[in-house]
C-alpha atoms as a PDB file:
ATOM      1  CA  UNK A   1      11.692   9.983  -8.533  1.00  0.00           C
ATOM      2  CA  UNK A   2      14.732  11.499  -6.818  1.00  0.00           C
ATOM      3  CA  UNK A   3      13.551  14.961  -7.877  1.00  0.00           C
ATOM      4  CA  UNK A   4      10.836  14.824  -5.223  1.00  0.00           C
ATOM      5  CA  UNK A   5      13.257  13.878  -2.423  1.00  0.00           C
ATOM      6  CA  UNK A   6      15.123  16.202  -0.050  1.00  0.00           C
ATOM      7  CA  UNK A   7      17.595  15.342   2.706  1.00  0.00           C
ATOM      8  CA  UNK A   8      18.974  17.560   5.444  1.00  0.00           C
ATOM      9  CA  UNK A   9      22.187  16.017   6.741  1.00  0.00           C
ATOM     10  CA  UNK A  10      25.313  16.766   8.746  1.00  0.00           C
ATOM     11  CA  UNK A  11      28.877  15.607   8.162  1.00  0.00           C
ATOM     12  CA  UNK A  12      30.165  13.046  10.649  1.00  0.00           C
ATOM     13  CA  UNK A  13      26.710  11.782  11.567  1.00  0.00           C
ATOM     14  CA  UNK A  14      26.555   8.028  11.008  1.00  0.00           C
ATOM     15  CA  UNK A  15      22.713   8.084  10.930  1.00  0.00           C
ATOM     16  CA  UNK A  16      22.999  10.563   8.050  1.00  0.00           C
ATOM     17  CA  UNK A  17      25.640   8.435   6.361  1.00  0.00           C
ATOM     18  CA  UNK A  18      23.378   5.391   6.708  1.00  0.00           C
ATOM     19  CA  UNK A  19      20.509   7.146   4.918  1.00  0.00           C
ATOM     20  CA  UNK A  20      22.807   8.504   2.209  1.00  0.00           C
ATOM     21  CA  UNK A  21      24.189   5.020   1.560  1.00  0.00           C
ATOM     22  CA  UNK A  22      20.689   3.636   1.160  1.00  0.00           C
ATOM     23  CA  UNK A  23      19.710   6.456  -1.204  1.00  0.00           C
ATOM     24  CA  UNK A  24      22.750   5.661  -3.353  1.00  0.00           C
ATOM     25  CA  UNK A  25      22.153   1.905  -3.268  1.00  0.00           C
ATOM     26  CA  UNK A  26      18.539   2.464  -4.329  1.00  0.00           C
ATOM     27  CA  UNK A  27      19.707   4.564  -7.273  1.00  0.00           C
ATOM     28  CA  UNK A  28      18.611   7.992  -6.048  1.00  0.00           C
ATOM     29  CA  UNK A  29      21.921   9.803  -6.478  1.00  0.00           C
ATOM     30  CA  UNK A  30      20.130  12.861  -7.874  1.00  0.00           C
ATOM     31  CA  UNK A  31      18.174  13.630  -4.698  1.00  0.00           C
ATOM     32  CA  UNK A  32      18.137  17.210  -3.428  1.00  0.00           C
ATOM     33  CA  UNK A  33      20.086  17.819  -0.240  1.00  0.00           C
ATOM     34  CA  UNK A  34      21.436  20.378   2.137  1.00  0.00           C
ATOM     35  CA  UNK A  35      24.414  19.889   4.416  1.00  0.00           C
ATOM     36  CA  UNK A  36      23.946  21.667   7.732  1.00  0.00           C
ATOM     37  CA  UNK A  37      26.619  22.761  10.216  1.00  0.00           C
ATOM     38  CA  UNK A  38      26.337  21.300  13.702  1.00  0.00           C
ATOM     39  CA  UNK A  39      28.865  23.872  14.895  1.00  0.00           C
ATOM     40  CA  UNK A  40      26.573  26.699  13.784  1.00  0.00           C
ATOM     41  CA  UNK A  41      23.535  24.811  15.163  1.00  0.00           C
ATOM     42  CA  UNK A  42      21.890  24.932  11.751  1.00  0.00           C
ATOM     43  CA  UNK A  43      19.966  21.786  12.686  1.00  0.00           C
ATOM     44  CA  UNK A  44      17.875  24.088  14.906  1.00  0.00           C
ATOM     45  CA  UNK A  45      16.912  26.388  12.041  1.00  0.00           C
ATOM     46  CA  UNK A  46      13.231  27.109  11.434  1.00  0.00           C
ATOM     47  CA  UNK A  47      13.206  25.128   8.193  1.00  0.00           C
ATOM     48  CA  UNK A  48      14.214  21.915   9.982  1.00  0.00           C
ATOM     49  CA  UNK A  49      12.227  22.558  13.177  1.00  0.00           C
ATOM     50  CA  UNK A  50       9.057  22.759  11.070  1.00  0.00           C
ATOM     51  CA  UNK A  51       9.765  19.253   9.829  1.00  0.00           C
ATOM     52  CA  UNK A  52      11.414  17.817  12.933  1.00  0.00           C
ATOM     53  CA  UNK A  53      10.522  19.443  16.284  1.00  0.00           C
ATOM     54  CA  UNK A  54      13.604  17.844  17.859  1.00  0.00           C
ATOM     55  CA  UNK A  55      15.847  19.748  15.458  1.00  0.00           C
ATOM     56  CA  UNK A  56      17.820  16.690  14.430  1.00  0.00           C
ATOM     57  CA  UNK A  57      19.163  15.291  11.198  1.00  0.00           C
ATOM     58  CA  UNK A  58      18.734  13.314   9.065  1.00  0.00           C
ATOM     59  CA  UNK A  59      15.444  14.909   8.140  1.00  0.00           C
ATOM     60  CA  UNK A  60      14.008  13.553   4.913  1.00  0.00           C
ATOM     61  CA  UNK A  61      11.059  14.439   2.713  1.00  0.00           C
ATOM     62  CA  UNK A  62       9.607  12.612  -0.262  1.00  0.00           C
ATOM     63  CA  UNK A  63       6.876  13.321  -2.813  1.00  0.00           C
ATOM     64  CA  UNK A  64       7.798  17.025  -2.875  1.00  0.00           C
ATOM     65  CA  UNK A  65       7.397  17.356   0.880  1.00  0.00           C
ATOM     66  CA  UNK A  66       4.148  15.435   1.291  1.00  0.00           C
ATOM     67  CA  UNK A  67       5.968  12.717   3.249  1.00  0.00           C
ATOM     68  CA  UNK A  68       8.278  13.686   6.131  1.00  0.00           C
ATOM     69  CA  UNK A  69      10.463  11.155   7.948  1.00  0.00           C
ATOM     70  CA  UNK A  70      13.060  12.053  10.559  1.00  0.00           C
ATOM     71  CA  UNK A  71      14.638   8.978  12.154  1.00  0.00           C
ATOM     72  CA  UNK A  72      17.371   7.293  10.107  1.00  0.00           C
ATOM     73  CA  UNK A  73      16.048   3.795  10.715  1.00  0.00           C
ATOM     74  CA  UNK A  74      12.573   4.843   9.593  1.00  0.00           C
ATOM     75  CA  UNK A  75      13.993   6.560   6.498  1.00  0.00           C
ATOM     76  CA  UNK A  76      16.031   3.510   5.499  1.00  0.00           C
ATOM     77  CA  UNK A  77      13.114   1.127   5.948  1.00  0.00           C
ATOM     78  CA  UNK A  78      10.752   3.502   4.147  1.00  0.00           C
ATOM     79  CA  UNK A  79      13.076   3.737   1.154  1.00  0.00           C
ATOM     80  CA  UNK A  80      13.491  -0.027   0.937  1.00  0.00           C
ATOM     81  CA  UNK A  81       9.791  -0.789   1.370  1.00  0.00           C
ATOM     82  CA  UNK A  82       8.496   1.965  -0.935  1.00  0.00           C
ATOM     83  CA  UNK A  83      11.105   1.462  -3.651  1.00  0.00           C
ATOM     84  CA  UNK A  84      11.883  -2.233  -3.235  1.00  0.00           C
ATOM     85  CA  UNK A  85      12.163  -2.738  -7.002  1.00  0.00           C
ATOM     86  CA  UNK A  86      14.523   0.218  -7.426  1.00  0.00           C
ATOM     87  CA  UNK A  87      18.296  -0.298  -7.294  1.00  0.00           C
ATOM     88  CA  UNK A  88      19.730  -2.846  -4.870  1.00  0.00           C
ATOM     89  CA  UNK A  89      17.225  -4.887  -2.883  1.00  0.00           C
ATOM     90  CA  UNK A  90      18.491  -4.382   0.659  1.00  0.00           C
ATOM     91  CA  UNK A  91      15.965  -6.567   2.492  1.00  0.00           C
ATOM     92  CA  UNK A  92      15.240  -9.919   0.803  1.00  0.00           C
ATOM     93  CA  UNK A  93      11.684 -11.094   0.239  1.00  0.00           C
ATOM     94  CA  UNK A  94      12.562 -14.731   0.980  1.00  0.00           C
ATOM     95  CA  UNK A  95      11.418 -15.252   4.618  1.00  0.00           C
ATOM     96  CA  UNK A  96      14.553 -17.088   5.742  1.00  0.00           C
ATOM     97  CA  UNK A  97      16.936 -14.567   4.181  1.00  0.00           C
ATOM     98  CA  UNK A  98      14.822 -11.647   5.385  1.00  0.00           C
ATOM     99  CA  UNK A  99      14.866 -12.976   8.944  1.00  0.00           C
ATOM    100  CA  UNK A 100      18.651 -13.349   8.795  1.00  0.00           C
ATOM    101  CA  UNK A 101      19.159  -9.772   7.580  1.00  0.00           C
ATOM    102  CA  UNK A 102      16.816  -8.346  10.218  1.00  0.00           C
ATOM    103  CA  UNK A 103      18.562 -10.394  12.902  1.00  0.00           C
ATOM    104  CA  UNK A 104      22.005  -9.006  12.030  1.00  0.00           C
ATOM    105  CA  UNK A 105      20.612  -5.490  11.580  1.00  0.00           C
ATOM    106  CA  UNK A 106      19.071  -5.518  15.065  1.00  0.00           C
ATOM    107  CA  UNK A 107      22.278  -6.933  16.549  1.00  0.00           C
ATOM    108  CA  UNK A 108      24.160  -3.903  15.207  1.00  0.00           C
ATOM    109  CA  UNK A 109      21.614  -1.548  16.754  1.00  0.00           C
ATOM    110  CA  UNK A 110      22.085  -3.181  20.156  1.00  0.00           C
ATOM    111  CA  UNK A 111      25.840  -2.574  20.123  1.00  0.00           C
ATOM    112  CA  UNK A 112      26.385   1.103  20.894  1.00  0.00           C
ATOM    113  CA  UNK A 113      29.849   1.620  19.387  1.00  0.00           C
ATOM    114  CA  UNK A 114      30.509  -1.988  20.459  1.00  0.00           C
ATOM    115  CA  UNK A 115      30.859  -0.610  24.013  1.00  0.00           C
ATOM    116  CA  UNK A 116      34.623  -1.178  23.872  1.00  0.00           C
ATOM    117  CA  UNK A 117      33.869  -4.900  24.053  1.00  0.00           C
ATOM    118  CA  UNK A 118      36.550  -7.048  22.480  1.00  0.00           C
ATOM    119  CA  UNK A 119      34.280 -10.074  22.894  1.00  0.00           C
ATOM    120  CA  UNK A 120      31.610  -8.433  20.731  1.00  0.00           C
ATOM    121  CA  UNK A 121      34.131  -7.574  18.032  1.00  0.00           C
ATOM    122  CA  UNK A 122      35.299 -11.184  18.012  1.00  0.00           C
ATOM    123  CA  UNK A 123      31.685 -12.309  17.520  1.00  0.00           C
ATOM    124  CA  UNK A 124      31.325 -10.131  14.419  1.00  0.00           C
ATOM    125  CA  UNK A 125      34.725 -11.262  13.176  1.00  0.00           C
ATOM    126  CA  UNK A 126      33.457 -14.817  13.611  1.00  0.00           C
ATOM    127  CA  UNK A 127      30.249 -14.098  11.713  1.00  0.00           C
ATOM    128  CA  UNK A 128      32.315 -12.877   8.767  1.00  0.00           C
ATOM    129  CA  UNK A 129      34.694 -15.832   9.067  1.00  0.00           C
ATOM    130  CA  UNK A 130      31.709 -18.146   8.754  1.00  0.00           C
ATOM    131  CA  UNK A 131      30.493 -16.326   5.647  1.00  0.00           C
ATOM    132  CA  UNK A 132      33.916 -16.391   4.043  1.00  0.00           C
ATOM    133  CA  UNK A 133      36.252 -13.766   2.614  1.00  0.00           C
ATOM    134  CA  UNK A 134      34.770 -11.525  -0.043  1.00  0.00           C
ATOM    135  CA  UNK A 135      31.198 -12.031   1.142  1.00  0.00           C
ATOM    136  CA  UNK A 136      28.861  -9.837   3.157  1.00  0.00           C
ATOM    137  CA  UNK A 137      27.498 -10.135   6.685  1.00  0.00           C
ATOM    138  CA  UNK A 138      24.470 -12.132   5.482  1.00  0.00           C
ATOM    139  CA  UNK A 139      25.959 -14.009   2.567  1.00  0.00           C
ATOM    140  CA  UNK A 140      26.726 -13.161  -1.034  1.00  0.00           C
ATOM    141  CA  UNK A 141      24.403 -10.138  -1.339  1.00  0.00           C
ATOM    142  CA  UNK A 142      24.904  -6.621   0.059  1.00  0.00           C
ATOM    143  CA  UNK A 143      21.937  -5.879   2.355  1.00  0.00           C
ATOM    144  CA  UNK A 144      20.586  -3.360   4.834  1.00  0.00           C
ATOM    145  CA  UNK A 145      22.517  -5.227   7.542  1.00  0.00           C
ATOM    146  CA  UNK A 146      25.743  -4.247   5.757  1.00  0.00           C
ATOM    147  CA  UNK A 147      24.644  -0.602   5.657  1.00  0.00           C
ATOM    148  CA  UNK A 148      24.138  -0.649   9.422  1.00  0.00           C
ATOM    149  CA  UNK A 149      27.250  -2.691  10.222  1.00  0.00           C
ATOM    150  CA  UNK A 150      29.577  -0.688   8.013  1.00  0.00           C
ATOM    151  CA  UNK A 151      28.491   2.741   9.291  1.00  0.00           C
ATOM    152  CA  UNK A 152      28.787   1.461  12.858  1.00  0.00           C
ATOM    153  CA  UNK A 153      32.224   0.011  12.154  1.00  0.00           C
ATOM    154  CA  UNK A 154      33.341   3.170  10.344  1.00  0.00           C
ATOM    155  CA  UNK A 155      32.532   5.224  13.436  1.00  0.00           C
ATOM    156  CA  UNK A 156      34.553   2.818  15.588  1.00  0.00           C
ATOM    157  CA  UNK A 157      37.544   3.139  13.254  1.00  0.00           C
ATOM    158  CA  UNK A 158      37.093   6.905  13.318  1.00  0.00           C
ATOM    159  CA  UNK A 159      37.250   6.737  17.120  1.00  0.00           C
ATOM    160  CA  UNK A 160      40.515   4.834  17.086  1.00  0.00           C
ATOM    161  CA  UNK A 161      39.599   1.150  16.782  1.00  0.00           C
ATOM    162  CA  UNK A 162      42.589  -0.826  15.478  1.00  0.00           C
ATOM    163  CA  UNK A 163      40.735  -2.832  12.872  1.00  0.00           C
ATOM    164  CA  UNK A 164      43.853  -4.822  11.929  1.00  0.00           C
ATOM    165  CA  UNK A 165      43.418  -6.890  15.109  1.00  0.00           C
ATOM    166  CA  UNK A 166      40.344  -8.511  13.575  1.00  0.00           C
ATOM    167  CA  UNK A 167      41.258 -10.101  10.263  1.00  0.00           C
ATOM    168  CA  UNK A 168      37.796 -10.582   8.779  1.00  0.00           C
ATOM    169  CA  UNK A 169      36.415  -7.282  10.057  1.00  0.00           C
ATOM    170  CA  UNK A 170      39.457  -5.567   8.590  1.00  0.00           C
ATOM    171  CA  UNK A 171      39.007  -7.264   5.194  1.00  0.00           C
ATOM    172  CA  UNK A 172      35.290  -6.457   5.242  1.00  0.00           C
ATOM    173  CA  UNK A 173      35.778  -2.824   6.249  1.00  0.00           C
ATOM    174  CA  UNK A 174      38.434  -2.099   3.636  1.00  0.00           C
ATOM    175  CA  UNK A 175      36.412  -3.788   0.887  1.00  0.00           C
ATOM    176  CA  UNK A 176      33.080  -2.122   1.694  1.00  0.00           C
ATOM    177  CA  UNK A 177      34.785   1.263   2.049  1.00  0.00           C
ATOM    178  CA  UNK A 178      35.531   1.107  -1.692  1.00  0.00           C
ATOM    179  CA  UNK A 179      31.850   0.649  -2.532  1.00  0.00           C
ATOM    180  CA  UNK A 180      30.413   3.532  -4.563  1.00  0.00           C
ATOM    181  CA  UNK A 181      27.613   4.261  -2.093  1.00  0.00           C
ATOM    182  CA  UNK A 182      30.190   4.598   0.699  1.00  0.00           C
ATOM    183  CA  UNK A 183      32.426   6.851  -1.346  1.00  0.00           C
ATOM    184  CA  UNK A 184      29.505   9.145  -2.118  1.00  0.00           C
ATOM    185  CA  UNK A 185      28.284   9.283   1.482  1.00  0.00           C
ATOM    186  CA  UNK A 186      31.651   9.442   3.295  1.00  0.00           C
ATOM    187  CA  UNK A 187      31.566  12.383   5.764  1.00  0.00           C
ATOM    188  CA  UNK A 188      33.615  15.310   4.389  1.00  0.00           C
ATOM    189  CA  UNK A 189      34.839  16.120   7.900  1.00  0.00           C
ATOM    190  CA  UNK A 190      36.440  12.691   8.189  1.00  0.00           C
ATOM    191  CA  UNK A 191      38.574  13.345   5.128  1.00  0.00           C
ATOM    192  CA  UNK A 192      40.028  16.523   6.599  1.00  0.00           C
ATOM    193  CA  UNK A 193      40.850  15.379  10.135  1.00  0.00           C
ATOM    194  CA  UNK A 194      42.735  12.380  11.551  1.00  0.00           C
ATOM    195  CA  UNK A 195      41.019   9.539  13.406  1.00  0.00           C
ATOM    196  CA  UNK A 196      40.254  10.066  17.071  1.00  0.00           C
ATOM    197  CA  UNK A 197      41.706   7.828  19.771  1.00  0.00           C
ATOM    198  CA  UNK A 198      38.889   7.174  22.253  1.00  0.00           C
ATOM    199  CA  UNK A 199      38.797   3.433  21.531  1.00  0.00           C
ATOM    200  CA  UNK A 200      42.506   2.697  21.148  1.00  0.00           C
ATOM    201  CA  UNK A 201      43.490  -0.658  22.612  1.00  0.00           C
ATOM    202  CA  UNK A 202      40.319  -2.620  21.913  1.00  0.00           C
END
């Protein structure tokens, strides 16, 4: 199935990382891909513009190009819905569990880089405290909410967030970072350059 998939992505883009994590979790590690350079404005190349008139990545195709999806949220939900029985089930079918995952997922989307809000970080630390050490944001199963939360949190750490101030967030971040899907989707640019400092002090 992965043979018919193609992903255009850019290093350092958390929407791209999100999609790549989902592809790995769903067991599609053999998908075709092309890393573009933002610096060279390769996202504006004709090949991508034909698929995405906004010239943005991630840009994803499935079924040998018959299906084109551009927005990361749409790609993630498409992959889970279309291939729900493949790999890790990231959105539960049980209504109560599904509602919980969607609730946490949407909460992440509302927090743009946590807006430097210590109160918001304490809320997420509290959520994880309630779940207990070694668990995920919605219980004992890794879900789509974890994909969204981790990529969001990783960007904050990249921007200088001192994660050690939040015990449960710190434990969660360091544990999820070791997950295979994270290792395979970690932005190459982040490995070569130190963290930024825009959010220091939160």
